[in-house]
């Protein structure tokens, strides 16, 4: 807005100077030179704000593109954090569920994966058990399948 104000002030001042030149300077080469200089000055005054407006427009576009990249990076980082925390919660739930059935496991790994529309699915479940719980392998598989909808990979250690 200040650029527009500056242009208006300069144009008014130039018009006033042009009318003074026309009134007080006699016809001749001096008047032509002064008119030529004032005309060039007025044209420059009109071109500079347009140039500034175009350059600020390009800067605004670059800032918006950078902010879109930052937003997508932030969204991706948030999505990864959600997936990691969900994996941790599901692993704790699985351990507790098996403990309720008197089955102790060494560890478990649940791997989640992203699908379309930011959906999350369980890609795989790996359960590590002691050799003394090998006889419960079928029970563990059925409990996991009933509660998580996926057949686990059970490994003995």
N, C-alpha and C. Protein backbone atom coordinates (compact mmCIF):
# COMPACT_ATOMS: atom_id res chain seq x y z
N UNK A 1 0.83 -1.18 0.00
CA UNK A 1 0.00 0.00 0.00
C UNK A 1 0.87 1.24 0.00
N UNK A 2 2.01 1.21 0.69
CA UNK A 2 2.89 2.38 0.72
C UNK A 2 3.48 2.64 -0.67
N UNK A 3 3.67 1.61 -1.47
CA UNK A 3 4.16 1.78 -2.84
C UNK A 3 3.17 2.56 -3.67
N UNK A 4 1.89 2.27 -3.52
CA UNK A 4 0.84 3.00 -4.24
C UNK A 4 0.80 4.45 -3.80
N UNK A 5 0.92 4.68 -2.51
CA UNK A 5 0.94 6.04 -1.97
C UNK A 5 2.11 6.82 -2.53
N UNK A 6 3.27 6.19 -2.60
CA UNK A 6 4.47 6.85 -3.14
C UNK A 6 4.27 7.21 -4.60
N UNK A 7 3.69 6.30 -5.38
CA UNK A 7 3.45 6.57 -6.80
C UNK A 7 2.50 7.75 -6.96
N UNK A 8 1.45 7.79 -6.18
CA UNK A 8 0.48 8.88 -6.29
C UNK A 8 1.13 10.22 -5.94
N UNK A 9 1.92 10.24 -4.88
CA UNK A 9 2.59 11.48 -4.48
C UNK A 9 3.56 11.95 -5.56
N UNK A 10 4.35 11.03 -6.10
CA UNK A 10 5.31 11.39 -7.15
C UNK A 10 4.59 11.86 -8.40
N UNK A 11 3.50 11.22 -8.76
CA UNK A 11 2.74 11.63 -9.96
C UNK A 11 2.15 13.03 -9.77
N UNK A 12 1.62 13.29 -8.59
CA UNK A 12 1.06 14.63 -8.33
C UNK A 12 2.16 15.68 -8.36
N UNK A 13 3.29 15.39 -7.75
CA UNK A 13 4.40 16.34 -7.76
C UNK A 13 4.91 16.55 -9.18
N UNK A 14 5.00 15.49 -9.96
CA UNK A 14 5.45 15.62 -11.35
C UNK A 14 4.47 16.43 -12.18
N UNK A 15 3.18 16.20 -11.98
CA UNK A 15 2.18 16.97 -12.71
C UNK A 15 2.26 18.44 -12.35
N UNK A 16 2.47 18.74 -11.08
CA UNK A 16 2.62 20.13 -10.64
C UNK A 16 3.86 20.77 -11.26
N UNK A 17 4.97 20.04 -11.28
CA UNK A 17 6.20 20.57 -11.88
C UNK A 17 6.02 20.77 -13.38
N UNK A 18 5.34 19.82 -14.05
CA UNK A 18 5.10 19.95 -15.49
C UNK A 18 4.26 21.19 -15.80
N UNK A 19 3.24 21.42 -15.00
CA UNK A 19 2.41 22.61 -15.24
C UNK A 19 3.19 23.90 -14.97
N UNK A 20 4.08 23.89 -13.97
CA UNK A 20 4.92 25.06 -13.71
C UNK A 20 5.89 25.30 -14.86
N UNK A 21 6.47 24.20 -15.39
CA UNK A 21 7.39 24.33 -16.52
C UNK A 21 6.66 24.90 -17.73
N UNK A 22 5.46 24.40 -17.99
CA UNK A 22 4.70 24.86 -19.14
C UNK A 22 4.34 26.34 -19.00
N UNK A 23 4.07 26.76 -17.78
CA UNK A 23 3.66 28.14 -17.56
C UNK A 23 4.84 29.10 -17.61
N UNK A 24 5.94 28.77 -16.96
CA UNK A 24 7.02 29.74 -16.78
C UNK A 24 8.19 29.61 -17.75
N UNK A 25 8.34 28.49 -18.41
CA UNK A 25 9.46 28.33 -19.33
C UNK A 25 8.96 28.60 -20.74
N UNK A 26 9.73 29.39 -21.47
CA UNK A 26 9.34 29.74 -22.84
C UNK A 26 9.57 28.56 -23.77
N UNK A 27 8.85 28.59 -24.89
CA UNK A 27 9.01 27.52 -25.88
C UNK A 27 10.43 27.55 -26.41
N UNK A 28 10.98 26.39 -26.58
CA UNK A 28 12.34 26.29 -27.08
C UNK A 28 12.96 24.98 -26.66
N UNK A 29 14.27 24.93 -26.84
CA UNK A 29 14.97 23.67 -26.56
C UNK A 29 15.02 23.37 -25.07
N UNK A 30 15.08 24.38 -24.22
CA UNK A 30 15.10 24.16 -22.77
C UNK A 30 13.82 23.50 -22.31
N UNK A 31 12.70 23.98 -22.81
CA UNK A 31 11.39 23.42 -22.43
C UNK A 31 11.30 21.96 -22.88
N UNK A 32 11.81 21.67 -24.08
CA UNK A 32 11.76 20.31 -24.60
C UNK A 32 12.63 19.37 -23.74
N UNK A 33 13.80 19.84 -23.35
CA UNK A 33 14.70 19.02 -22.53
C UNK A 33 14.08 18.76 -21.16
N UNK A 34 13.52 19.82 -20.54
CA UNK A 34 12.89 19.65 -19.23
C UNK A 34 11.69 18.71 -19.34
N UNK A 35 10.89 18.84 -20.39
CA UNK A 35 9.74 17.96 -20.59
C UNK A 35 10.18 16.52 -20.80
N UNK A 36 11.28 16.33 -21.54
CA UNK A 36 11.82 14.99 -21.77
C UNK A 36 12.30 14.37 -20.45
N UNK A 37 13.01 15.12 -19.63
CA UNK A 37 13.50 14.63 -18.35
C UNK A 37 12.33 14.30 -17.42
N UNK A 38 11.34 15.19 -17.36
CA UNK A 38 10.17 14.94 -16.50
C UNK A 38 9.37 13.73 -16.99
N UNK A 39 9.24 13.56 -18.29
CA UNK A 39 8.53 12.40 -18.84
C UNK A 39 9.23 11.10 -18.49
N UNK A 40 10.58 11.09 -18.61
CA UNK A 40 11.35 9.90 -18.24
C UNK A 40 11.20 9.61 -16.75
N UNK A 41 11.21 10.68 -15.94
CA UNK A 41 11.05 10.52 -14.50
C UNK A 41 9.68 9.91 -14.16
N UNK A 42 8.63 10.39 -14.81
CA UNK A 42 7.27 9.87 -14.56
C UNK A 42 7.18 8.40 -14.97
N UNK A 43 7.77 8.04 -16.10
CA UNK A 43 7.74 6.65 -16.55
C UNK A 43 8.48 5.75 -15.56
N UNK A 44 9.64 6.21 -15.08
CA UNK A 44 10.39 5.42 -14.08
C UNK A 44 9.58 5.26 -12.80
N UNK A 45 8.87 6.33 -12.42
CA UNK A 45 8.04 6.25 -11.20
C UNK A 45 6.91 5.25 -11.35
N UNK A 46 6.45 5.02 -12.56
CA UNK A 46 5.37 4.04 -12.76
C UNK A 46 5.93 2.62 -12.90
N UNK A 47 7.15 2.48 -13.40
CA UNK A 47 7.72 1.15 -13.63
C UNK A 47 8.25 0.54 -12.33
N UNK A 48 8.86 1.33 -11.46
CA UNK A 48 9.48 0.81 -10.24
C UNK A 48 8.48 0.10 -9.33
N UNK A 49 7.29 0.68 -9.04
CA UNK A 49 6.34 -0.05 -8.18
C UNK A 49 5.85 -1.36 -8.80
N UNK A 50 5.69 -1.36 -10.13
CA UNK A 50 5.26 -2.60 -10.79
C UNK A 50 6.35 -3.66 -10.64
N UNK A 51 7.61 -3.27 -10.82
CA UNK A 51 8.72 -4.21 -10.66
C UNK A 51 8.78 -4.74 -9.22
N UNK A 52 8.59 -3.88 -8.25
CA UNK A 52 8.60 -4.31 -6.85
C UNK A 52 7.44 -5.25 -6.54
N UNK A 53 6.28 -4.97 -7.12
CA UNK A 53 5.12 -5.84 -6.90
C UNK A 53 5.37 -7.23 -7.47
N UNK A 54 5.97 -7.29 -8.66
CA UNK A 54 6.25 -8.58 -9.29
C UNK A 54 7.28 -9.36 -8.47
N UNK A 55 8.33 -8.69 -8.00
CA UNK A 55 9.35 -9.40 -7.23
C UNK A 55 8.80 -9.88 -5.88
N UNK A 56 7.93 -9.11 -5.25
CA UNK A 56 7.34 -9.56 -3.98
C UNK A 56 6.38 -10.72 -4.22
N UNK A 57 5.72 -10.73 -5.37
CA UNK A 57 4.83 -11.83 -5.72
C UNK A 57 5.62 -13.13 -5.83
N UNK A 58 6.78 -13.10 -6.48
CA UNK A 58 7.62 -14.29 -6.60
C UNK A 58 8.11 -14.76 -5.24
N UNK A 59 8.46 -13.84 -4.37
CA UNK A 59 8.92 -14.19 -3.03
C UNK A 59 7.80 -14.87 -2.24
N UNK A 60 6.58 -14.35 -2.38
CA UNK A 60 5.44 -14.95 -1.68
C UNK A 60 5.21 -16.38 -2.15
N UNK A 61 5.34 -16.62 -3.44
CA UNK A 61 5.13 -17.97 -3.98
C UNK A 61 6.18 -18.92 -3.41
N UNK A 62 7.46 -18.48 -3.35
CA UNK A 62 8.51 -19.34 -2.82
C UNK A 62 8.27 -19.65 -1.34
N UNK A 63 7.81 -18.65 -0.58
CA UNK A 63 7.53 -18.88 0.84
C UNK A 63 6.41 -19.89 1.01
N UNK A 64 5.37 -19.79 0.18
CA UNK A 64 4.25 -20.73 0.28
C UNK A 64 4.69 -22.13 -0.09
N UNK A 65 5.54 -22.27 -1.12
CA UNK A 65 6.02 -23.59 -1.50
C UNK A 65 6.87 -24.20 -0.38
N UNK A 66 7.71 -23.38 0.25
CA UNK A 66 8.51 -23.88 1.36
C UNK A 66 7.64 -24.29 2.53
N UNK A 67 6.58 -23.52 2.80
CA UNK A 67 5.71 -23.87 3.92
C UNK A 67 4.95 -25.16 3.63
N UNK A 68 4.58 -25.40 2.37
CA UNK A 68 3.92 -26.66 2.02
C UNK A 68 4.87 -27.83 2.26
N UNK A 69 6.16 -27.66 1.90
CA UNK A 69 7.14 -28.72 2.15
C UNK A 69 7.30 -28.97 3.64
N UNK A 70 7.34 -27.88 4.43
CA UNK A 70 7.49 -28.04 5.88
C UNK A 70 6.28 -28.75 6.47
N UNK A 71 5.09 -28.40 5.98
CA UNK A 71 3.88 -29.04 6.48
C UNK A 71 3.89 -30.53 6.16
N UNK A 72 4.27 -30.88 4.92
CA UNK A 72 4.28 -32.30 4.56
C UNK A 72 5.34 -33.05 5.36
N UNK A 73 6.48 -32.41 5.62
CA UNK A 73 7.51 -33.05 6.44
C UNK A 73 7.01 -33.24 7.87
N UNK A 74 6.35 -32.23 8.41
CA UNK A 74 5.80 -32.33 9.77
C UNK A 74 4.74 -33.42 9.84
N UNK A 75 3.87 -33.49 8.82
CA UNK A 75 2.84 -34.52 8.79
C UNK A 75 3.45 -35.91 8.75
N UNK A 76 4.50 -36.06 7.95
CA UNK A 76 5.15 -37.36 7.84
C UNK A 76 5.81 -37.75 9.16
N UNK A 77 6.46 -36.80 9.80
CA UNK A 77 7.11 -37.08 11.09
C UNK A 77 6.06 -37.45 12.13
N UNK A 78 4.94 -36.74 12.14
CA UNK A 78 3.86 -37.04 13.08
C UNK A 78 3.30 -38.42 12.81
N UNK A 79 3.10 -38.74 11.54
CA UNK A 79 2.57 -40.05 11.17
C UNK A 79 3.52 -41.17 11.61
N UNK A 80 4.82 -40.97 11.42
CA UNK A 80 5.80 -41.97 11.86
C UNK A 80 5.78 -42.14 13.37
N UNK A 81 5.63 -41.03 14.09
CA UNK A 81 5.58 -41.09 15.56
C UNK A 81 4.33 -41.85 16.01
N UNK A 82 3.21 -41.61 15.33
CA UNK A 82 1.96 -42.32 15.67
C UNK A 82 2.13 -43.81 15.43
N UNK A 83 2.72 -44.18 14.31
CA UNK A 83 2.93 -45.60 14.00
C UNK A 83 3.84 -46.25 15.03
N UNK A 84 4.92 -45.59 15.39
CA UNK A 84 5.86 -46.15 16.38
C UNK A 84 5.18 -46.35 17.73
N UNK A 85 4.42 -45.35 18.17
CA UNK A 85 3.74 -45.46 19.47
C UNK A 85 2.67 -46.54 19.42
N UNK A 86 1.98 -46.66 18.29
CA UNK A 86 0.96 -47.71 18.15
C UNK A 86 1.61 -49.09 18.22
N UNK A 87 2.77 -49.25 17.59
CA UNK A 87 3.49 -50.53 17.67
C UNK A 87 3.82 -50.87 19.12
N UNK A 88 4.31 -49.89 19.86
CA UNK A 88 4.66 -50.11 21.28
C UNK A 88 3.43 -50.51 22.08
N UNK A 89 2.32 -49.81 21.86
CA UNK A 89 1.08 -50.11 22.59
C UNK A 89 0.55 -51.50 22.25
N UNK A 90 0.60 -51.87 20.96
CA UNK A 90 0.12 -53.20 20.56
C UNK A 90 1.00 -54.31 21.13
N UNK A 91 2.31 -54.09 21.17
CA UNK A 91 3.21 -55.09 21.75
C UNK A 91 2.92 -55.29 23.24
N UNK A 92 2.67 -54.21 23.96
CA UNK A 92 2.34 -54.32 25.39
C UNK A 92 1.00 -55.03 25.57
N UNK A 93 0.04 -54.73 24.71
CA UNK A 93 -1.27 -55.38 24.78
C UNK A 93 -1.14 -56.88 24.50
N UNK A 94 -0.33 -57.24 23.52
CA UNK A 94 -0.14 -58.65 23.19
C UNK A 94 0.52 -59.40 24.35
N UNK A 95 1.53 -58.80 24.96
CA UNK A 95 2.19 -59.45 26.11
C UNK A 95 1.20 -59.66 27.25
N UNK A 96 0.40 -58.65 27.54
CA UNK A 96 -0.59 -58.77 28.62
C UNK A 96 -1.65 -59.80 28.29
N UNK A 97 -2.07 -59.85 27.05
CA UNK A 97 -3.09 -60.82 26.62
C UNK A 97 -2.58 -62.25 26.79
N UNK A 98 -1.34 -62.48 26.43
CA UNK A 98 -0.77 -63.82 26.58
C UNK A 98 -0.51 -64.15 28.05
N UNK A 99 -0.14 -63.15 28.85
CA UNK A 99 0.04 -63.38 30.29
C UNK A 99 -1.27 -63.78 30.95
N UNK A 100 -2.38 -63.24 30.48
CA UNK A 100 -3.69 -63.61 31.03
C UNK A 100 -3.99 -65.08 30.78
N UNK A 101 -3.36 -65.64 29.75
CA UNK A 101 -3.52 -67.06 29.44
C UNK A 101 -2.33 -67.88 29.95
N UNK A 102 -1.58 -67.32 30.91
CA UNK A 102 -0.44 -67.99 31.54
C UNK A 102 0.66 -68.37 30.55
N UNK A 103 0.87 -67.54 29.55
CA UNK A 103 1.94 -67.77 28.58
C UNK A 103 2.89 -66.57 28.67
N UNK A 104 4.13 -66.88 28.99
CA UNK A 104 5.14 -65.83 29.09
C UNK A 104 6.00 -65.86 27.83
N UNK A 105 6.17 -64.70 27.22
CA UNK A 105 7.00 -64.62 26.02
C UNK A 105 8.25 -63.80 26.33
N UNK A 106 9.30 -64.06 25.56
CA UNK A 106 10.53 -63.27 25.73
C UNK A 106 10.32 -61.86 25.17
N UNK A 107 9.83 -61.82 23.95
CA UNK A 107 9.58 -60.52 23.32
C UNK A 107 8.66 -60.71 22.12
N UNK A 108 8.21 -59.61 21.62
CA UNK A 108 7.40 -59.64 20.40
C UNK A 108 7.69 -58.38 19.59
N UNK A 109 7.55 -58.51 18.30
CA UNK A 109 7.73 -57.38 17.38
C UNK A 109 6.49 -57.29 16.51
N UNK A 110 5.86 -56.13 16.56
CA UNK A 110 4.71 -55.89 15.69
C UNK A 110 5.14 -54.80 14.71
N UNK A 111 5.00 -55.10 13.43
CA UNK A 111 5.37 -54.15 12.39
C UNK A 111 4.09 -53.65 11.73
N UNK A 112 3.91 -52.34 11.77
CA UNK A 112 2.75 -51.71 11.15
C UNK A 112 3.17 -51.09 9.83
N UNK A 113 2.20 -50.93 8.96
CA UNK A 113 2.48 -50.31 7.69
C UNK A 113 1.35 -49.37 7.32
N UNK A 114 1.73 -48.35 6.57
CA UNK A 114 0.74 -47.36 6.12
C UNK A 114 0.13 -47.79 4.80
N UNK A 115 -1.16 -47.55 4.67
CA UNK A 115 -1.86 -47.80 3.41
C UNK A 115 -2.48 -46.50 2.95
N UNK A 116 -3.23 -46.56 1.87
CA UNK A 116 -3.87 -45.36 1.31
C UNK A 116 -4.66 -44.61 2.38
N UNK A 117 -4.79 -43.34 2.18
CA UNK A 117 -5.58 -42.47 3.06
C UNK A 117 -5.10 -42.50 4.50
N UNK A 118 -3.79 -42.67 4.68
CA UNK A 118 -3.17 -42.67 6.01
C UNK A 118 -3.71 -43.75 6.93
N UNK A 119 -4.16 -44.86 6.37
CA UNK A 119 -4.59 -45.98 7.19
C UNK A 119 -3.38 -46.77 7.68
N UNK A 120 -3.57 -47.50 8.77
CA UNK A 120 -2.49 -48.30 9.35
C UNK A 120 -2.98 -49.74 9.44
N UNK A 121 -2.13 -50.68 8.98
CA UNK A 121 -2.45 -52.10 9.09
C UNK A 121 -1.29 -52.81 9.79
N UNK A 122 -1.59 -53.98 10.35
CA UNK A 122 -0.54 -54.80 10.95
C UNK A 122 0.08 -55.62 9.84
N UNK A 123 1.36 -55.37 9.56
CA UNK A 123 2.05 -56.08 8.49
C UNK A 123 2.51 -57.46 8.97
N UNK A 124 3.05 -57.52 10.18
CA UNK A 124 3.50 -58.81 10.70
C UNK A 124 3.63 -58.75 12.22
N UNK A 125 3.51 -59.94 12.81
CA UNK A 125 3.73 -60.09 14.26
C UNK A 125 4.71 -61.24 14.44
N UNK A 126 5.79 -60.96 15.15
CA UNK A 126 6.79 -61.99 15.47
C UNK A 126 6.82 -62.14 16.98
N UNK A 127 6.70 -63.40 17.44
CA UNK A 127 6.70 -63.68 18.88
C UNK A 127 7.85 -64.62 19.18
N UNK A 128 8.63 -64.27 20.18
CA UNK A 128 9.78 -65.08 20.60
C UNK A 128 9.44 -65.69 21.96
N UNK A 129 9.44 -67.06 22.01
CA UNK A 129 9.08 -67.76 23.25
C UNK A 129 10.21 -68.71 23.66
N UNK A 130 10.18 -69.08 24.94
CA UNK A 130 11.14 -70.06 25.45
C UNK A 130 10.73 -71.45 24.98
N UNK A 131 11.66 -72.38 25.01
CA UNK A 131 11.39 -73.75 24.57
C UNK A 131 10.34 -74.42 25.44
N UNK A 132 10.22 -74.00 26.68
CA UNK A 132 9.23 -74.63 27.57
C UNK A 132 7.79 -74.30 27.17
N UNK A 133 7.59 -73.24 26.36
CA UNK A 133 6.24 -72.86 25.94
C UNK A 133 5.94 -73.30 24.50
N UNK A 134 6.77 -74.15 23.92
CA UNK A 134 6.56 -74.62 22.55
C UNK A 134 5.22 -75.32 22.42
N UNK A 135 4.80 -76.04 23.45
CA UNK A 135 3.53 -76.77 23.38
C UNK A 135 2.33 -75.83 23.26
N UNK A 136 2.52 -74.54 23.58
CA UNK A 136 1.43 -73.57 23.50
C UNK A 136 1.41 -72.79 22.17
N UNK A 137 2.18 -73.23 21.22
CA UNK A 137 2.29 -72.51 19.95
C UNK A 137 0.94 -72.35 19.26
N UNK A 138 0.15 -73.41 19.22
CA UNK A 138 -1.17 -73.32 18.58
C UNK A 138 -2.09 -72.38 19.35
N UNK A 139 -2.03 -72.42 20.67
CA UNK A 139 -2.85 -71.53 21.49
C UNK A 139 -2.45 -70.06 21.26
N UNK A 140 -1.15 -69.82 21.21
CA UNK A 140 -0.66 -68.45 20.96
C UNK A 140 -1.15 -67.97 19.59
N UNK A 141 -1.03 -68.83 18.59
CA UNK A 141 -1.47 -68.45 17.24
C UNK A 141 -2.95 -68.12 17.21
N UNK A 142 -3.77 -68.94 17.87
CA UNK A 142 -5.21 -68.68 17.84
C UNK A 142 -5.57 -67.42 18.62
N UNK A 143 -4.91 -67.18 19.76
CA UNK A 143 -5.18 -65.96 20.53
C UNK A 143 -4.83 -64.72 19.71
N UNK A 144 -3.67 -64.76 19.09
CA UNK A 144 -3.23 -63.60 18.29
C UNK A 144 -4.15 -63.41 17.09
N UNK A 145 -4.51 -64.50 16.42
CA UNK A 145 -5.38 -64.37 15.26
C UNK A 145 -6.76 -63.84 15.66
N UNK A 146 -7.30 -64.33 16.77
CA UNK A 146 -8.62 -63.87 17.22
C UNK A 146 -8.62 -62.39 17.60
N UNK A 147 -7.53 -61.91 18.17
CA UNK A 147 -7.49 -60.53 18.65
C UNK A 147 -6.90 -59.54 17.66
N UNK A 148 -6.00 -59.99 16.80
CA UNK A 148 -5.33 -59.07 15.89
C UNK A 148 -5.63 -59.33 14.42
N UNK A 149 -6.22 -60.49 14.12
CA UNK A 149 -6.60 -60.79 12.75
C UNK A 149 -5.43 -61.16 11.85
N UNK A 150 -4.34 -61.60 12.42
CA UNK A 150 -3.18 -61.98 11.62
C UNK A 150 -2.49 -63.16 12.31
N UNK A 151 -1.97 -64.07 11.51
CA UNK A 151 -1.26 -65.22 12.07
C UNK A 151 0.18 -64.80 12.37
N UNK A 152 0.63 -65.03 13.60
CA UNK A 152 1.98 -64.57 13.97
C UNK A 152 3.07 -65.55 13.54
N UNK A 153 4.28 -65.04 13.47
CA UNK A 153 5.47 -65.88 13.30
C UNK A 153 5.99 -66.17 14.70
N UNK A 154 5.96 -67.45 15.08
CA UNK A 154 6.39 -67.82 16.43
C UNK A 154 7.75 -68.49 16.33
N UNK A 155 8.71 -67.95 17.09
CA UNK A 155 10.07 -68.49 17.08
C UNK A 155 10.48 -68.84 18.50
N UNK A 156 11.16 -69.98 18.61
CA UNK A 156 11.63 -70.41 19.94
C UNK A 156 13.09 -70.04 20.10
N UNK A 157 13.44 -69.76 21.33
CA UNK A 157 14.84 -69.39 21.63
C UNK A 157 15.34 -70.25 22.76
